[in-house]
Every structure is written in structure tokens, then in C-alpha cells.
C-alpha atoms as a PDB file:
ATOM      1  CA  MET A   1     -25.417  57.198-159.554  1.00  0.00           C
ATOM      2  CA  THR A   2     -27.459  54.192-158.516  1.00  0.00           C
ATOM      3  CA  THR A   3     -30.047  54.659-155.789  1.00  0.00           C
ATOM      4  CA  ILE A   4     -30.742  51.692-153.518  1.00  0.00           C
ATOM      5  CA  TYR A   5     -33.526  51.414-150.953  1.00  0.00           C
ATOM      6  CA  HIS A   6     -33.996  50.145-147.417  1.00  0.00           C
ATOM      7  CA  MET A   7     -37.216  49.933-145.409  1.00  0.00           C
ATOM      8  CA  ALA A   8     -36.584  50.911-141.796  1.00  0.00           C
ATOM      9  CA  ALA A   9     -38.865  51.220-138.814  1.00  0.00           C
ATOM     10  CA  GLU A  10     -39.524  54.927-138.384  1.00  0.00           C
ATOM     11  CA  ALA A  11     -38.474  54.873-134.710  1.00  0.00           C
ATOM     12  CA  ASP A  12     -35.188  53.126-135.594  1.00  0.00           C
ATOM     13  CA  TRP A  13     -34.493  55.711-138.278  1.00  0.00           C
ATOM     14  CA  HIS A  14     -35.048  58.587-135.843  1.00  0.00           C
ATOM     15  CA  VAL A  15     -32.513  57.000-133.465  1.00  0.00           C
ATOM     16  CA  ALA A  16     -30.087  56.568-136.361  1.00  0.00           C
ATOM     17  CA  GLU A  17     -30.414  60.220-137.342  1.00  0.00           C
ATOM     18  CA  ALA A  18     -29.581  61.247-133.781  1.00  0.00           C
ATOM     19  CA  ASN A  19     -26.656  58.799-133.508  1.00  0.00           C
ATOM     20  CA  GLY A  20     -25.307  59.344-137.013  1.00  0.00           C
ATOM     21  CA  HIS A  21     -25.570  55.702-138.080  1.00  0.00           C
ATOM     22  CA  TYR A  22     -28.104  52.941-138.644  1.00  0.00           C
ATOM     23  CA  GLY A  23     -27.236  49.393-137.625  1.00  0.00           C
ATOM     24  CA  GLY A  24     -30.125  47.685-139.373  1.00  0.00           C
ATOM     25  CA  SER A  25     -33.264  45.777-138.463  1.00  0.00           C
ATOM     26  CA  ALA A  26     -33.401  42.585-136.403  1.00  0.00           C
ATOM     27  CA  ASP A  27     -33.299  40.640-139.699  1.00  0.00           C
ATOM     28  CA  ASP A  28     -30.229  42.589-140.815  1.00  0.00           C
ATOM     29  CA  LEU A  29     -28.460  41.951-137.525  1.00  0.00           C
ATOM     30  CA  ARG A  30     -29.293  38.245-137.756  1.00  0.00           C
ATOM     31  CA  ASP A  31     -27.977  38.011-141.323  1.00  0.00           C
ATOM     32  CA  GLY A  32     -24.833  40.086-140.742  1.00  0.00           C
ATOM     33  CA  PHE A  33     -25.586  42.772-143.330  1.00  0.00           C
ATOM     34  CA  ILE A  34     -28.155  45.458-144.090  1.00  0.00           C
ATOM     35  CA  HIS A  35     -30.584  44.398-146.814  1.00  0.00           C
ATOM     36  CA  PHE A  36     -31.199  46.834-149.656  1.00  0.00           C
ATOM     37  CA  SER A  37     -33.208  46.599-152.865  1.00  0.00           C
ATOM     38  CA  THR A  38     -33.097  48.288-156.233  1.00  0.00           C
ATOM     39  CA  ALA A  39     -36.053  50.254-157.617  1.00  0.00           C
ATOM     40  CA  SER A  40     -37.224  47.180-159.522  1.00  0.00           C
ATOM     41  CA  GLN A  41     -36.980  44.942-156.418  1.00  0.00           C
ATOM     42  CA  VAL A  42     -38.227  47.068-153.509  1.00  0.00           C
ATOM     43  CA  LYS A  43     -41.989  46.667-153.992  1.00  0.00           C
ATOM     44  CA  GLU A  44     -41.728  42.869-154.060  1.00  0.00           C
ATOM     45  CA  SER A  45     -39.392  42.987-151.041  1.00  0.00           C
ATOM     46  CA  ALA A  46     -41.967  45.066-149.144  1.00  0.00           C
ATOM     47  CA  ALA A  47     -44.777  42.633-149.993  1.00  0.00           C
ATOM     48  CA  LYS A  48     -42.666  39.614-149.057  1.00  0.00           C
ATOM     49  CA  HIS A  49     -40.846  40.849-145.950  1.00  0.00           C
ATOM     50  CA  ARG A  50     -42.734  43.886-144.592  1.00  0.00           C
ATOM     51  CA  ALA A  51     -46.385  43.166-145.450  1.00  0.00           C
ATOM     52  CA  GLY A  52     -48.807  45.075-143.243  1.00  0.00           C
ATOM     53  CA  ARG A  53     -46.144  47.137-141.455  1.00  0.00           C
ATOM     54  CA  ARG A  54     -47.444  50.661-140.847  1.00  0.00           C
ATOM     55  CA  ASP A  55     -44.310  52.066-139.208  1.00  0.00           C
ATOM     56  CA  LEU A  56     -41.883  52.110-142.136  1.00  0.00           C
ATOM     57  CA  VAL A  57     -39.837  54.765-143.849  1.00  0.00           C
ATOM     58  CA  LEU A  58     -38.148  54.212-147.182  1.00  0.00           C
ATOM     59  CA  LEU A  59     -34.504  55.248-147.183  1.00  0.00           C
ATOM     60  CA  PHE A  60     -32.967  56.441-150.475  1.00  0.00           C
ATOM     61  CA  VAL A  61     -29.196  55.861-150.615  1.00  0.00           C
ATOM     62  CA  LYS A  62     -26.670  56.444-153.396  1.00  0.00           C
ATOM     63  CA  ALA A  63     -24.907  53.085-153.714  1.00  0.00           C
ATOM     64  CA  GLU A  64     -21.535  54.523-154.736  1.00  0.00           C
ATOM     65  CA  ILE A  65     -21.225  56.431-151.438  1.00  0.00           C
ATOM     66  CA  LEU A  66     -21.048  53.169-149.461  1.00  0.00           C
ATOM     67  CA  GLY A  67     -17.733  51.957-150.886  1.00  0.00           C
ATOM     68  CA  PRO A  68     -16.431  48.393-150.668  1.00  0.00           C
ATOM     69  CA  ALA A  69     -18.696  47.419-147.748  1.00  0.00           C
ATOM     70  CA  LEU A  70     -21.560  47.238-150.276  1.00  0.00           C
ATOM     71  CA  LYS A  71     -21.687  43.872-152.035  1.00  0.00           C
ATOM     72  CA  TRP A  72     -24.050  42.823-154.812  1.00  0.00           C
ATOM     73  CA  GLU A  73     -25.002  39.222-154.087  1.00  0.00           C
ATOM     74  CA  ALA A  74     -27.401  36.742-155.655  1.00  0.00           C
ATOM     75  CA  ALA A  75     -30.590  36.335-153.655  1.00  0.00           C
ATOM     76  CA  ARG A  76     -34.240  35.844-154.579  1.00  0.00           C
ATOM     77  CA  GLY A  77     -34.349  34.124-157.961  1.00  0.00           C
ATOM     78  CA  GLY A  78     -30.612  34.660-158.468  1.00  0.00           C
ATOM     79  CA  GLN A  79     -31.057  38.438-158.766  1.00  0.00           C
ATOM     80  CA  PRO A  80     -28.178  40.572-157.471  1.00  0.00           C
ATOM     81  CA  PHE A  81     -29.273  42.420-154.329  1.00  0.00           C
ATOM     82  CA  PRO A  82     -27.216  45.098-152.558  1.00  0.00           C
ATOM     83  CA  HIS A  83     -26.037  44.066-149.079  1.00  0.00           C
ATOM     84  CA  LEU A  84     -24.143  46.457-146.804  1.00  0.00           C
ATOM     85  CA  TYR A  85     -21.581  44.819-144.516  1.00  0.00           C
ATOM     86  CA  SER A  86     -21.270  47.777-142.176  1.00  0.00           C
ATOM     87  CA  GLU A  87     -23.471  50.288-140.443  1.00  0.00           C
ATOM     88  CA  LEU A  88     -25.207  52.772-142.698  1.00  0.00           C
ATOM     89  CA  PRO A  89     -23.968  56.324-142.110  1.00  0.00           C
ATOM     90  CA  ALA A  90     -27.039  58.524-141.659  1.00  0.00           C
ATOM     91  CA  GLY A  91     -25.422  61.084-143.945  1.00  0.00           C
ATOM     92  CA  ALA A  92     -25.510  58.587-146.828  1.00  0.00           C
ATOM     93  CA  VAL A  93     -29.312  58.738-146.824  1.00  0.00           C
ATOM     94  CA  HIS A  94     -30.394  61.546-149.130  1.00  0.00           C
ATOM     95  CA  ARG A  95     -34.114  61.039-148.607  1.00  0.00           C
ATOM     96  CA  ALA A  96     -36.360  59.245-146.103  1.00  0.00           C
ATOM     97  CA  VAL A  97     -40.095  59.124-146.744  1.00  0.00           C
ATOM     98  CA  PRO A  98     -42.994  57.423-144.951  1.00  0.00           C
ATOM     99  CA  LEU A  99     -44.195  54.196-146.537  1.00  0.00           C
ATOM    100  CA  PRO A 100     -47.936  54.092-145.773  1.00  0.00           C
ATOM    101  CA  LEU A 101     -50.352  51.287-146.517  1.00  0.00           C
ATOM    102  CA  GLY A 102     -52.955  51.808-149.201  1.00  0.00           C
ATOM    103  CA  PRO A 103     -56.597  50.687-149.081  1.00  0.00           C
ATOM    104  CA  ASP A 104     -55.530  47.304-150.476  1.00  0.00           C
ATOM    105  CA  GLY A 105     -53.092  46.776-147.566  1.00  0.00           C
ATOM    106  CA  ARG A 106     -50.009  47.115-149.768  1.00  0.00           C
ATOM    107  CA  HIS A 107     -47.385  49.813-149.283  1.00  0.00           C
ATOM    108  CA  VAL A 108     -47.766  52.984-151.334  1.00  0.00           C
ATOM    109  CA  PHE A 109     -44.410  53.970-152.819  1.00  0.00           C
ATOM    110  CA  PRO A 110     -43.235  57.415-153.848  1.00  0.00           C
ATOM    111  CA  ASP A 111     -41.552  57.943-157.196  1.00  0.00           C
ATOM    112  CA  LEU A 112     -38.255  56.066-157.127  1.00  0.00           C
ATOM    113  CA  ASP A 113     -34.990  57.479-158.520  1.00  0.00           C
END
């Protein structure tokens, strides 16, 4: 199975756990889909779109669980990125870990699947 990743505000993720679903960030809502990255894309995505954010958790999701609402679409540099055109069921997240900043101001990532 393919694991994909989403960086969520910790407070938003806690609400999603209580409600059973995550609707996405303000950027996701604006764009009409929830942005995900692969293991090889997520660090660059964090540096580009979430630089300096101290309140993030990294969500680990098995792509195959999401069904046809997950589309792989060309984005940065023509790379295929996973985009979810629905809410994310909280139960689809098999791991959520804090994404702290290191001494250099960049996010410190756990081992990725």
C-alpha cells in the first residue's frame, strides 16, 4: 500500500478526530480538494507551503483506502500529487505525529513509510 501525507494544524486535527472527518485547511477549501504529498514530496511541500509553522501534525494515510475521490494530478514541476476530492475520514489516518521545527527552522520529519 502507498502511504500519502498531509500536514494539518494540530487543533484542526483534534476537531477532526472528534467529528470523524477532516475537511482540510483554508488552502484546501479554497482549491476544492485536500492536498497530499508522497514521501519524496512532503519535505519540499513543508518548506514551500508550511515554513515556520509550529502547530502541525503529519497525517499518514493509506492511499488505497480513499477510493475514487483520490486523484493523482500534475502539480509542481509536472509531478503527480495526490488530491482528495472529499473529506478525509479520520479513520483513514493510521498515524498522526507532531511536526516540530528543528534548530535550522525547518520541520523535523519522522521516518516515512
